[in-house]
N, C-alpha and C. Protein backbone atom coordinates (compact mmCIF):
# COMPACT_ATOMS: atom_id res chain seq x y z
N MET A 1 1.26 -1.26 0.04
CA MET A 1 0.18 0.02 0.19
C MET A 1 0.90 1.36 0.07
N PRO A 2 0.71 1.87 -0.97
CA PRO A 2 1.61 2.90 -1.34
C PRO A 2 1.49 4.05 0.01
N ALA A 3 -0.01 4.43 0.12
CA ALA A 3 -0.10 5.41 1.14
C ALA A 3 0.58 5.46 2.54
N ARG A 4 0.82 3.86 3.17
CA ARG A 4 1.47 3.75 4.30
C ARG A 4 2.89 4.23 4.34
N GLU A 5 3.74 4.28 3.24
CA GLU A 5 5.14 4.70 3.01
C GLU A 5 4.93 6.53 3.06
N ASN A 6 4.07 7.09 2.78
CA ASN A 6 4.12 8.80 2.97
C ASN A 6 3.26 9.23 4.19
N LEU A 7 2.72 8.88 5.10
CA LEU A 7 1.73 9.16 6.02
C LEU A 7 2.38 10.69 6.59
N PRO A 8 1.33 11.45 6.33
CA PRO A 8 1.44 12.84 7.33
C PRO A 8 1.88 12.69 8.60
N SER A 9 2.98 13.42 8.92
CA SER A 9 3.49 13.30 10.31
C SER A 9 2.51 13.17 11.48
N THR A 10 1.56 14.13 11.32
CA THR A 10 0.64 13.85 12.22
C THR A 10 -0.02 12.63 12.43
N ILE A 11 -0.29 11.99 11.46
CA ILE A 11 -0.99 10.92 11.33
C ILE A 11 0.20 9.37 11.72
N ALA A 12 1.49 9.68 11.26
CA ALA A 12 2.47 8.77 11.55
C ALA A 12 2.06 8.65 13.11
N ARG A 13 2.34 9.68 13.94
CA ARG A 13 2.49 9.65 15.44
C ARG A 13 1.31 9.49 15.89
N SER A 14 0.14 8.96 15.62
CA SER A 14 -1.30 8.65 16.01
C SER A 14 -1.37 7.11 16.15
N PRO A 15 -2.73 6.67 16.93
CA PRO A 15 -2.84 5.13 17.15
C PRO A 15 -2.69 4.65 15.65
N GLN A 16 -2.47 3.18 15.51
CA GLN A 16 -2.45 2.18 14.20
C GLN A 16 -3.96 2.38 13.76
N LYS A 17 -4.85 2.31 14.29
CA LYS A 17 -6.40 2.51 13.56
C LYS A 17 -6.41 3.83 12.98
N ALA A 18 -5.87 4.94 13.12
CA ALA A 18 -5.80 5.87 12.50
C ALA A 18 -5.31 6.25 11.27
N GLN A 19 -3.93 5.50 11.34
CA GLN A 19 -3.12 5.18 10.16
C GLN A 19 -3.72 4.53 9.31
N ASP A 20 -4.16 3.11 9.65
CA ASP A 20 -5.03 2.13 8.95
C ASP A 20 -5.87 3.06 8.11
N THR A 21 -7.07 3.75 8.73
CA THR A 21 -8.19 4.36 8.54
C THR A 21 -7.56 5.35 7.08
N TYR A 22 -6.69 6.23 7.46
CA TYR A 22 -6.15 7.09 6.63
C TYR A 22 -5.66 6.50 5.33
N ALA A 23 -4.63 5.40 5.43
CA ALA A 23 -4.04 4.89 4.29
C ALA A 23 -4.92 4.00 3.58
N GLU A 24 -6.06 3.32 4.06
CA GLU A 24 -6.91 2.42 3.27
C GLU A 24 -8.01 3.36 2.36
N THR A 25 -8.45 4.48 3.19
CA THR A 25 -9.03 5.42 2.34
C THR A 25 -8.46 5.76 1.46
N LEU A 26 -6.91 6.42 1.76
CA LEU A 26 -6.31 7.11 0.43
C LEU A 26 -6.37 6.24 -0.57
N ASP A 27 -5.57 4.80 -0.42
CA ASP A 27 -5.61 3.75 -1.36
C ASP A 27 -6.53 3.64 -2.43
N SER A 28 -7.95 3.36 -1.35
CA SER A 28 -9.09 3.47 -2.39
C SER A 28 -9.34 4.82 -3.46
N ALA A 29 -9.50 5.95 -2.49
CA ALA A 29 -9.48 6.97 -3.64
C ALA A 29 -8.63 7.44 -4.24
N ILE A 30 -7.57 7.06 -4.39
CA ILE A 30 -6.37 6.86 -5.36
C ILE A 30 -6.88 5.90 -6.60
N ALA A 31 -7.51 4.87 -6.30
CA ALA A 31 -7.51 3.89 -7.30
C ALA A 31 -9.13 4.48 -7.99
N GLN A 32 -10.07 5.34 -7.55
CA GLN A 32 -11.24 6.25 -7.69
C GLN A 32 -10.88 7.34 -8.37
N TYR A 33 -9.97 8.12 -7.68
CA TYR A 33 -10.00 9.42 -8.59
C TYR A 33 -8.72 10.20 -8.90
N GLY A 34 -7.50 9.13 -8.86
CA GLY A 34 -6.28 9.29 -9.19
C GLY A 34 -5.50 10.01 -8.09
N ASP A 35 -4.22 9.99 -8.01
CA ASP A 35 -3.50 10.60 -7.06
C ASP A 35 -3.58 12.34 -6.84
N GLY A 36 -4.20 12.93 -6.33
CA GLY A 36 -4.46 14.81 -5.98
C GLY A 36 -5.10 14.51 -5.16
N GLU A 37 -5.44 15.91 -5.00
CA GLU A 37 -6.04 16.44 -4.03
C GLU A 37 -7.14 16.13 -3.59
N ARG A 38 -7.87 15.54 -4.22
CA ARG A 38 -9.61 15.00 -3.76
C ARG A 38 -9.11 13.91 -3.24
N ALA A 39 -8.06 13.00 -3.46
CA ALA A 39 -8.06 11.86 -2.79
C ALA A 39 -7.31 11.66 -1.25
N HIS A 40 -6.70 12.77 -1.16
CA HIS A 40 -6.24 13.05 0.04
C HIS A 40 -7.22 13.87 0.88
N ARG A 41 -8.23 14.57 0.01
CA ARG A 41 -9.08 15.56 1.18
C ARG A 41 -10.22 14.10 1.66
N THR A 42 -10.48 13.12 0.84
CA THR A 42 -11.13 11.90 0.69
C THR A 42 -11.17 11.40 2.00
N ALA A 43 -9.52 11.03 2.31
CA ALA A 43 -8.78 10.17 3.05
C ALA A 43 -8.94 10.84 4.52
N LEU A 44 -8.65 12.36 4.65
CA LEU A 44 -8.65 13.10 5.28
C LEU A 44 -10.17 13.12 6.28
N ALA A 45 -10.90 13.32 5.14
CA ALA A 45 -12.41 13.69 5.65
C ALA A 45 -12.38 12.02 6.53
N SER A 46 -12.18 10.99 5.94
CA SER A 46 -12.72 9.68 6.53
C SER A 46 -12.09 9.48 7.66
N LEU A 47 -10.80 10.27 7.92
CA LEU A 47 -9.98 9.99 9.63
C LEU A 47 -10.71 10.37 10.33
N LYS A 48 -10.93 12.34 9.80
CA LYS A 48 -11.84 12.96 10.70
C LYS A 48 -13.36 12.58 11.21
N HIS A 49 -13.96 11.38 10.73
CA HIS A 49 -15.18 10.76 11.11
C HIS A 49 -14.99 9.96 12.52
N SER A 50 -13.78 9.50 12.62
CA SER A 50 -13.53 8.64 13.53
C SER A 50 -12.31 9.37 14.63
N PHE A 51 -11.69 10.24 14.50
CA PHE A 51 -10.48 10.79 15.28
C PHE A 51 -10.81 12.33 14.83
N GLU A 52 -10.04 12.59 16.28
CA GLU A 52 -9.97 13.97 16.31
C GLU A 52 -8.46 14.54 16.49
N LYS A 53 -8.33 15.85 15.78
CA LYS A 53 -6.69 16.25 16.14
C LYS A 53 -6.43 16.73 17.70
N VAL A 54 -5.30 16.38 18.18
CA VAL A 54 -5.32 17.00 19.52
C VAL A 54 -3.81 17.30 19.66
N GLY A 55 -2.89 18.30 19.56
CA GLY A 55 -1.92 18.84 19.74
C GLY A 55 -1.46 18.04 18.14
N ASP A 56 -0.25 17.10 18.00
CA ASP A 56 0.96 16.85 17.36
C ASP A 56 -0.30 15.59 16.71
N HIS A 57 -1.15 14.88 17.19
CA HIS A 57 -1.85 13.63 16.71
C HIS A 57 -2.87 13.46 16.51
N TRP A 58 -3.33 12.17 16.24
CA TRP A 58 -4.86 12.49 16.08
C TRP A 58 -5.24 11.25 17.06
N GLU A 59 -6.83 11.45 18.06
CA GLU A 59 -6.90 10.21 18.86
C GLU A 59 -8.53 10.29 18.39
N PRO A 60 -8.89 8.53 18.76
CA PRO A 60 -10.25 8.27 18.90
C PRO A 60 -11.12 9.61 19.44
N LYS A 61 -12.42 9.75 18.62
CA LYS A 61 -13.21 10.58 19.06
C LYS A 61 -14.05 9.83 20.11
N GLU A 62 -14.93 10.53 20.91
CA GLU A 62 -15.77 9.91 21.70
C GLU A 62 -16.78 9.14 21.15
N GLN A 63 -17.51 10.17 19.98
CA GLN A 63 -18.90 9.38 19.29
C GLN A 63 -18.35 9.44 17.75
N ARG A 64 -18.47 8.92 16.95
CA ARG A 64 -18.15 8.73 15.40
C ARG A 64 -19.33 9.71 15.31
N GLY A 65 -18.59 10.60 14.00
CA GLY A 65 -19.69 11.25 12.99
C GLY A 65 -18.78 12.47 12.51
N PRO A 66 -19.84 13.20 11.90
CA PRO A 66 -19.07 14.46 11.29
C PRO A 66 -18.42 15.37 12.43
N SER A 67 -17.04 15.92 11.91
CA SER A 67 -16.30 16.95 12.92
C SER A 67 -16.69 18.12 13.15
N ASP A 68 -17.53 18.91 11.56
CA ASP A 68 -17.51 19.91 11.63
C ASP A 68 -18.72 20.44 10.67
N GLU A 69 -19.25 21.29 10.32
CA GLU A 69 -20.62 22.21 9.44
C GLU A 69 -20.22 21.28 8.20
N GLN A 70 -18.71 21.80 7.71
CA GLN A 70 -18.71 21.31 6.32
C GLN A 70 -18.78 19.61 5.88
N ALA A 71 -18.35 18.88 6.97
CA ALA A 71 -18.52 17.63 7.26
C ALA A 71 -19.99 17.09 7.13
N GLU A 72 -20.78 17.44 7.78
CA GLU A 72 -22.19 17.70 8.01
C GLU A 72 -22.84 17.60 6.99
N ARG A 73 -22.58 18.41 6.07
CA ARG A 73 -23.42 18.50 4.56
C ARG A 73 -22.83 17.73 3.42
N GLY A 74 -21.03 17.38 3.91
CA GLY A 74 -21.00 16.24 2.69
C GLY A 74 -20.55 16.80 1.58
N ALA A 75 -19.98 17.90 1.78
CA ALA A 75 -19.89 18.84 0.13
C ALA A 75 -18.42 19.25 0.36
N ALA A 76 -17.55 17.96 -0.66
CA ALA A 76 -16.45 18.48 -0.70
C ALA A 76 -15.66 19.58 -1.18
N ASP A 77 -16.56 20.27 -2.35
CA ASP A 77 -15.99 21.53 -2.83
C ASP A 77 -16.47 22.59 -2.60
N THR A 78 -16.97 22.42 -1.29
CA THR A 78 -17.36 23.84 -0.87
C THR A 78 -16.62 24.72 -0.47
N ALA A 79 -16.93 26.09 -0.23
CA ALA A 79 -16.14 27.21 0.34
C ALA A 79 -16.04 27.05 1.84
N LEU A 80 -16.66 26.89 2.41
CA LEU A 80 -16.91 26.51 4.25
C LEU A 80 -15.35 25.84 4.76
N PRO A 81 -15.40 26.60 5.48
CA PRO A 81 -14.11 26.30 6.17
C PRO A 81 -14.05 25.18 6.81
N THR A 82 -13.23 24.21 7.10
CA THR A 82 -13.26 22.92 8.08
C THR A 82 -12.88 23.65 9.20
N ALA A 83 -13.10 22.38 10.65
CA ALA A 83 -12.52 23.16 11.87
C ALA A 83 -10.91 22.46 12.00
N GLY A 84 -10.00 22.12 10.69
CA GLY A 84 -8.91 21.61 10.99
C GLY A 84 -8.25 19.94 12.13
N GLY A 85 -9.77 19.14 12.17
CA GLY A 85 -9.47 18.31 12.86
C GLY A 85 -10.32 18.52 14.16
N VAL A 86 -10.45 19.65 14.70
CA VAL A 86 -10.90 19.60 15.63
C VAL A 86 -12.61 19.57 15.75
N ASP A 87 -13.02 18.88 16.74
CA ASP A 87 -14.18 18.03 16.86
C ASP A 87 -15.46 19.06 17.34
N ALA A 88 -15.59 20.26 16.39
CA ALA A 88 -16.42 21.18 16.32
C ALA A 88 -17.98 20.59 16.83
N ASN A 89 -18.06 19.24 16.89
CA ASN A 89 -19.30 19.18 16.93
C ASN A 89 -19.44 18.37 18.41
N ALA A 90 -18.10 18.20 19.35
CA ALA A 90 -18.34 18.12 20.77
C ALA A 90 -18.75 18.70 21.38
N SER A 91 -19.33 18.27 22.70
CA SER A 91 -19.57 19.38 23.59
C SER A 91 -18.68 20.28 24.12
N LYS A 92 -19.20 20.92 24.70
CA LYS A 92 -18.59 22.53 25.10
C LYS A 92 -17.31 21.67 26.12
N GLN A 93 -17.89 20.91 27.19
CA GLN A 93 -17.27 20.15 28.15
C GLN A 93 -16.09 19.59 27.60
N HIS A 94 -16.21 18.92 26.60
CA HIS A 94 -14.76 17.74 25.91
C HIS A 94 -14.19 18.86 25.30
N LEU A 95 -14.52 20.03 24.73
CA LEU A 95 -13.70 20.89 24.17
C LEU A 95 -12.81 21.82 25.23
N LEU A 96 -13.25 22.03 26.33
CA LEU A 96 -12.94 22.72 27.64
C LEU A 96 -11.67 21.70 27.70
N GLU A 97 -11.85 20.50 27.92
CA GLU A 97 -10.92 19.32 28.42
C GLU A 97 -9.44 19.35 27.53
N VAL A 98 -9.77 19.31 26.13
CA VAL A 98 -8.80 19.50 25.26
C VAL A 98 -8.11 20.69 25.22
N ALA A 99 -8.87 21.65 25.30
CA ALA A 99 -8.02 23.04 25.60
C ALA A 99 -7.04 23.01 26.89
N LYS A 100 -7.66 22.35 27.72
CA LYS A 100 -6.72 22.34 29.35
C LYS A 100 -5.15 21.35 28.91
N ARG A 101 -5.38 20.15 28.31
CA ARG A 101 -4.53 19.52 27.68
C ARG A 101 -3.65 20.36 26.91
N LEU A 102 -3.95 20.91 26.12
CA LEU A 102 -3.25 21.96 24.94
C LEU A 102 -3.00 23.27 25.90
N ASP A 103 -2.97 23.19 27.31
CA ASP A 103 -2.93 24.94 27.73
C ASP A 103 -3.10 25.73 27.13
N VAL A 104 -4.49 25.83 27.08
CA VAL A 104 -5.31 26.83 25.72
C VAL A 104 -5.38 27.97 27.00
N ARG A 105 -4.75 29.38 26.92
CA ARG A 105 -5.25 30.24 27.89
C ARG A 105 -6.31 31.21 27.86
N GLY A 106 -7.08 31.54 29.07
CA GLY A 106 -8.64 32.08 29.08
C GLY A 106 -9.63 31.19 28.39
N ARG A 107 -9.43 29.90 28.43
CA ARG A 107 -10.36 29.13 28.14
C ARG A 107 -11.69 28.87 28.59
N SER A 108 -11.62 29.19 30.00
CA SER A 108 -13.08 29.20 30.79
C SER A 108 -13.81 30.17 30.57
N ARG A 109 -13.29 31.35 29.68
CA ARG A 109 -14.31 32.17 29.52
C ARG A 109 -14.76 32.10 27.86
N MET A 110 -14.09 31.38 27.08
CA MET A 110 -14.26 31.48 25.52
C MET A 110 -15.80 30.25 25.27
N THR A 111 -16.20 30.88 24.39
CA THR A 111 -17.52 30.10 23.56
C THR A 111 -17.04 29.20 22.98
N LYS A 112 -18.05 28.31 22.86
CA LYS A 112 -17.69 26.91 21.93
C LYS A 112 -16.72 27.04 20.69
N ASP A 113 -17.18 28.29 19.96
CA ASP A 113 -16.88 28.68 18.78
C ASP A 113 -15.44 28.95 18.81
N GLU A 114 -15.16 29.89 19.51
CA GLU A 114 -13.66 30.63 20.20
C GLU A 114 -12.79 29.20 20.57
N LEU A 115 -13.40 28.08 21.69
CA LEU A 115 -12.72 27.12 21.70
C LEU A 115 -12.03 26.05 20.68
N VAL A 116 -13.18 26.01 19.89
CA VAL A 116 -12.62 25.29 18.53
C VAL A 116 -11.69 26.00 17.63
N GLU A 117 -11.56 27.39 17.84
CA GLU A 117 -10.73 28.13 17.10
C GLU A 117 -9.10 28.16 17.96
N ALA A 118 -9.19 28.29 19.20
CA ALA A 118 -8.51 27.87 19.64
C ALA A 118 -7.30 26.86 19.91
N ILE A 119 -8.37 26.07 19.94
CA ILE A 119 -7.78 24.14 19.83
C ILE A 119 -7.10 24.13 18.34
N GLY A 120 -7.69 24.79 17.36
CA GLY A 120 -6.84 24.54 16.47
C GLY A 120 -5.57 25.40 15.71
N LYS A 121 -5.67 26.59 16.91
CA LYS A 121 -4.22 27.37 16.75
C LYS A 121 -3.34 26.49 17.55
N ALA A 122 -3.75 26.07 18.85
CA ALA A 122 -2.60 24.96 19.52
C ALA A 122 -1.98 23.70 18.91
N ASN A 123 -3.20 23.39 18.24
CA ASN A 123 -2.90 21.77 17.40
C ASN A 123 -1.60 22.32 16.29
N ASP A 124 -2.21 23.55 15.59
CA ASP A 124 -0.67 23.75 14.80
C ASP A 124 0.51 24.41 15.00
N ALA A 125 0.10 25.01 16.26
CA ALA A 125 1.83 25.64 16.96
C ALA A 125 2.01 23.57 17.47
N GLU A 126 1.40 22.84 18.29
CA GLU A 126 2.08 21.86 18.48
C GLU A 126 2.76 21.17 17.32
N SER A 127 1.97 21.01 16.13
CA SER A 127 2.68 20.14 14.80
C SER A 127 3.85 20.72 14.84
N ARG A 128 3.83 22.17 14.54
CA ARG A 128 5.06 22.88 13.90
C ARG A 128 6.26 22.76 15.16
N ARG A 129 5.62 22.54 16.56
CA ARG A 129 7.20 22.61 17.13
C ARG A 129 7.83 21.16 16.87
N THR A 130 6.50 20.05 16.79
CA THR A 130 7.32 18.58 16.58
C THR A 130 7.96 18.26 15.57
N LEU A 131 7.56 18.88 14.16
CA LEU A 131 8.03 18.95 13.15
C LEU A 131 9.54 19.24 13.55
N LYS A 132 9.50 20.67 13.89
CA LYS A 132 10.91 21.24 13.83
C LYS A 132 11.87 20.64 15.05
N ALA A 133 11.60 20.03 15.65
CA ALA A 133 12.24 19.10 16.40
C ALA A 133 12.83 17.78 16.05
N GLU A 134 11.93 17.43 15.21
CA GLU A 134 11.96 15.84 13.95
C GLU A 134 13.12 16.32 13.13
N ARG A 135 12.94 17.32 12.79
CA ARG A 135 13.86 18.09 11.64
C ARG A 135 15.19 18.22 11.87
N GLU A 136 15.49 18.62 13.31
CA GLU A 136 16.82 18.83 14.10
C GLU A 136 17.31 17.82 14.67
N GLU A 137 16.53 16.55 14.38
CA GLU A 137 17.75 15.13 15.13
C GLU A 137 18.24 14.66 14.13
């Protein structure tokens, strides 16, 4: 399976099930759509249905399902922004717990939408830090 050889780093640091989900979907999507952006978007959408991004890796979601408004609509070509792997449909309590793990400041005063945005930024920052450290090794 070619997809397993080139997993994105955040997925490579994730549980085996997340890696399998992404790789198997990507291989299938490449067979259907060819190796391009659409195949990779399809694999990521499949991953987001069962996993959420926390820091520099993906973790199983408490409940399977769409992660944001765009995923709910199922429209791959829409201009709607995604939540970048944050489970925007999770409870505010869950988002507060994730924000606490990521040391998001001011989280207790944030709305649910603000938490989703702050977690996304914290995820991106953590991924950058990890990638930089891996490159320096």
